[in-house]
Amino acid sequence: MQTSMRIDPENRDALARIAATELGGVSLDEALKVVLFEHQSRAALARLAADPEGAGSYVAESAQLADIDVAVQE
């Protein structure tokens, strides 16, 4: 489903420049997805930085998961 939204032409043009120059000519929708993902990623990192204990447990769990050797059957 698609929808319309009103945005300032300057914001639309800025997103179009990002889409064209930094993202290789993707659509404005795809560029917006990238911008939103980057925002969510930065917010998640900020939450980890604000909670050193939680960040430590995240890193420890990530290391454990990285060490799991999973056999892949074809």
C-alpha atoms as a PDB file:
ATOM      1  CA  MET A   1       0.000   0.000   0.000  1.00  0.00           C
ATOM      2  CA  GLN A   2       1.240   3.463  -0.813  1.00  0.00           C
ATOM      3  CA  THR A   3       0.291   6.768   0.697  1.00  0.00           C
ATOM      4  CA  SER A   4       0.939  10.423   0.088  1.00  0.00           C
ATOM      5  CA  MET A   5       2.454  12.857   2.511  1.00  0.00           C
ATOM      6  CA  ARG A   6       3.173  16.555   2.527  1.00  0.00           C
ATOM      7  CA  ILE A   7       6.810  17.445   3.004  1.00  0.00           C
ATOM      8  CA  ASP A   8       8.768  20.600   2.480  1.00  0.00           C
ATOM      9  CA  PRO A   9      10.293  20.734  -1.016  1.00  0.00           C
ATOM     10  CA  GLU A  10      13.738  21.318   0.531  1.00  0.00           C
ATOM     11  CA  ASN A  11      13.450  18.040   2.461  1.00  0.00           C
ATOM     12  CA  ARG A  12      12.266  16.191  -0.647  1.00  0.00           C
ATOM     13  CA  ASP A  13      15.171  17.606  -2.641  1.00  0.00           C
ATOM     14  CA  ALA A  14      17.664  16.690   0.080  1.00  0.00           C
ATOM     15  CA  LEU A  15      16.350  13.121   0.137  1.00  0.00           C
ATOM     16  CA  ALA A  16      16.528  13.010  -3.663  1.00  0.00           C
ATOM     17  CA  ARG A  17      20.186  14.116  -3.538  1.00  0.00           C
ATOM     18  CA  ILE A  18      20.970  11.380  -1.015  1.00  0.00           C
ATOM     19  CA  ALA A  19      19.166   8.832  -3.186  1.00  0.00           C
ATOM     20  CA  ALA A  20      21.018   9.919  -6.315  1.00  0.00           C
ATOM     21  CA  THR A  21      24.530  10.536  -5.018  1.00  0.00           C
ATOM     22  CA  GLU A  22      25.055   8.446  -1.906  1.00  0.00           C
ATOM     23  CA  LEU A  23      22.756   5.517  -2.631  1.00  0.00           C
ATOM     24  CA  GLY A  24      23.315   5.016  -6.336  1.00  0.00           C
ATOM     25  CA  GLY A  25      20.058   6.337  -7.728  1.00  0.00           C
ATOM     26  CA  VAL A  26      17.553   4.408  -5.621  1.00  0.00           C
ATOM     27  CA  SER A  27      13.964   5.569  -5.300  1.00  0.00           C
ATOM     28  CA  LEU A  28      12.975   8.113  -2.660  1.00  0.00           C
ATOM     29  CA  ASP A  29      11.155   5.309  -0.835  1.00  0.00           C
ATOM     30  CA  GLU A  30      14.321   3.201  -0.681  1.00  0.00           C
ATOM     31  CA  ALA A  31      16.357   6.233   0.401  1.00  0.00           C
ATOM     32  CA  LEU A  32      13.882   6.918   3.192  1.00  0.00           C
ATOM     33  CA  LYS A  33      14.155   3.288   4.340  1.00  0.00           C
ATOM     34  CA  VAL A  34      17.944   3.702   4.576  1.00  0.00           C
ATOM     35  CA  VAL A  35      17.654   6.979   6.492  1.00  0.00           C
ATOM     36  CA  LEU A  36      15.145   5.439   8.919  1.00  0.00           C
ATOM     37  CA  PHE A  37      17.324   2.344   9.419  1.00  0.00           C
ATOM     38  CA  GLU A  38      20.353   4.534  10.141  1.00  0.00           C
ATOM     39  CA  HIS A  39      18.322   6.550  12.642  1.00  0.00           C
ATOM     40  CA  GLN A  40      17.100   3.393  14.397  1.00  0.00           C
ATOM     41  CA  SER A  41      20.643   2.000  14.484  1.00  0.00           C
ATOM     42  CA  ARG A  42      22.024   5.180  16.054  1.00  0.00           C
ATOM     43  CA  ALA A  43      19.209   5.174  18.615  1.00  0.00           C
ATOM     44  CA  ALA A  44      19.967   1.546  19.530  1.00  0.00           C
ATOM     45  CA  LEU A  45      23.678   2.332  19.909  1.00  0.00           C
ATOM     46  CA  ALA A  46      22.836   5.326  22.103  1.00  0.00           C
ATOM     47  CA  ARG A  47      20.740   3.084  24.338  1.00  0.00           C
ATOM     48  CA  LEU A  48      23.659   0.646  24.657  1.00  0.00           C
ATOM     49  CA  ALA A  49      26.064   3.487  25.446  1.00  0.00           C
ATOM     50  CA  ALA A  50      23.730   4.715  28.179  1.00  0.00           C
ATOM     51  CA  ASP A  51      23.732   1.253  29.795  1.00  0.00           C
ATOM     52  CA  PRO A  52      27.322  -0.060  30.063  1.00  0.00           C
ATOM     53  CA  GLU A  53      26.207  -3.224  31.862  1.00  0.00           C
ATOM     54  CA  GLY A  54      23.669  -3.971  29.156  1.00  0.00           C
ATOM     55  CA  ALA A  55      26.253  -3.241  26.482  1.00  0.00           C
ATOM     56  CA  GLY A  56      28.657  -5.686  28.118  1.00  0.00           C
ATOM     57  CA  SER A  57      26.086  -8.453  28.198  1.00  0.00           C
ATOM     58  CA  TYR A  58      25.186  -7.712  24.573  1.00  0.00           C
ATOM     59  CA  VAL A  59      28.831  -8.014  23.519  1.00  0.00           C
ATOM     60  CA  ALA A  60      29.256 -11.235  25.529  1.00  0.00           C
ATOM     61  CA  GLU A  61      26.132 -12.771  24.014  1.00  0.00           C
ATOM     62  CA  SER A  62      27.205 -11.699  20.525  1.00  0.00           C
ATOM     63  CA  ALA A  63      30.579 -13.390  21.029  1.00  0.00           C
ATOM     64  CA  GLN A  64      28.874 -16.588  22.178  1.00  0.00           C
ATOM     65  CA  LEU A  65      26.594 -16.591  19.156  1.00  0.00           C
ATOM     66  CA  ALA A  66      29.530 -15.938  16.836  1.00  0.00           C
ATOM     67  CA  ASP A  67      31.332 -18.985  18.254  1.00  0.00           C
ATOM     68  CA  ILE A  68      28.457 -21.359  17.526  1.00  0.00           C
ATOM     69  CA  ASP A  69      29.433 -23.743  14.756  1.00  0.00           C
ATOM     70  CA  VAL A  70      26.378 -24.708  12.806  1.00  0.00           C
ATOM     71  CA  ALA A  71      26.615 -27.472  10.226  1.00  0.00           C
ATOM     72  CA  VAL A  72      24.772 -26.609   7.059  1.00  0.00           C
ATOM     73  CA  GLN A  73      23.171 -29.471   5.196  1.00  0.00           C
ATOM     74  CA  GLU A  74      22.706 -29.249   1.458  1.00  0.00           C
END
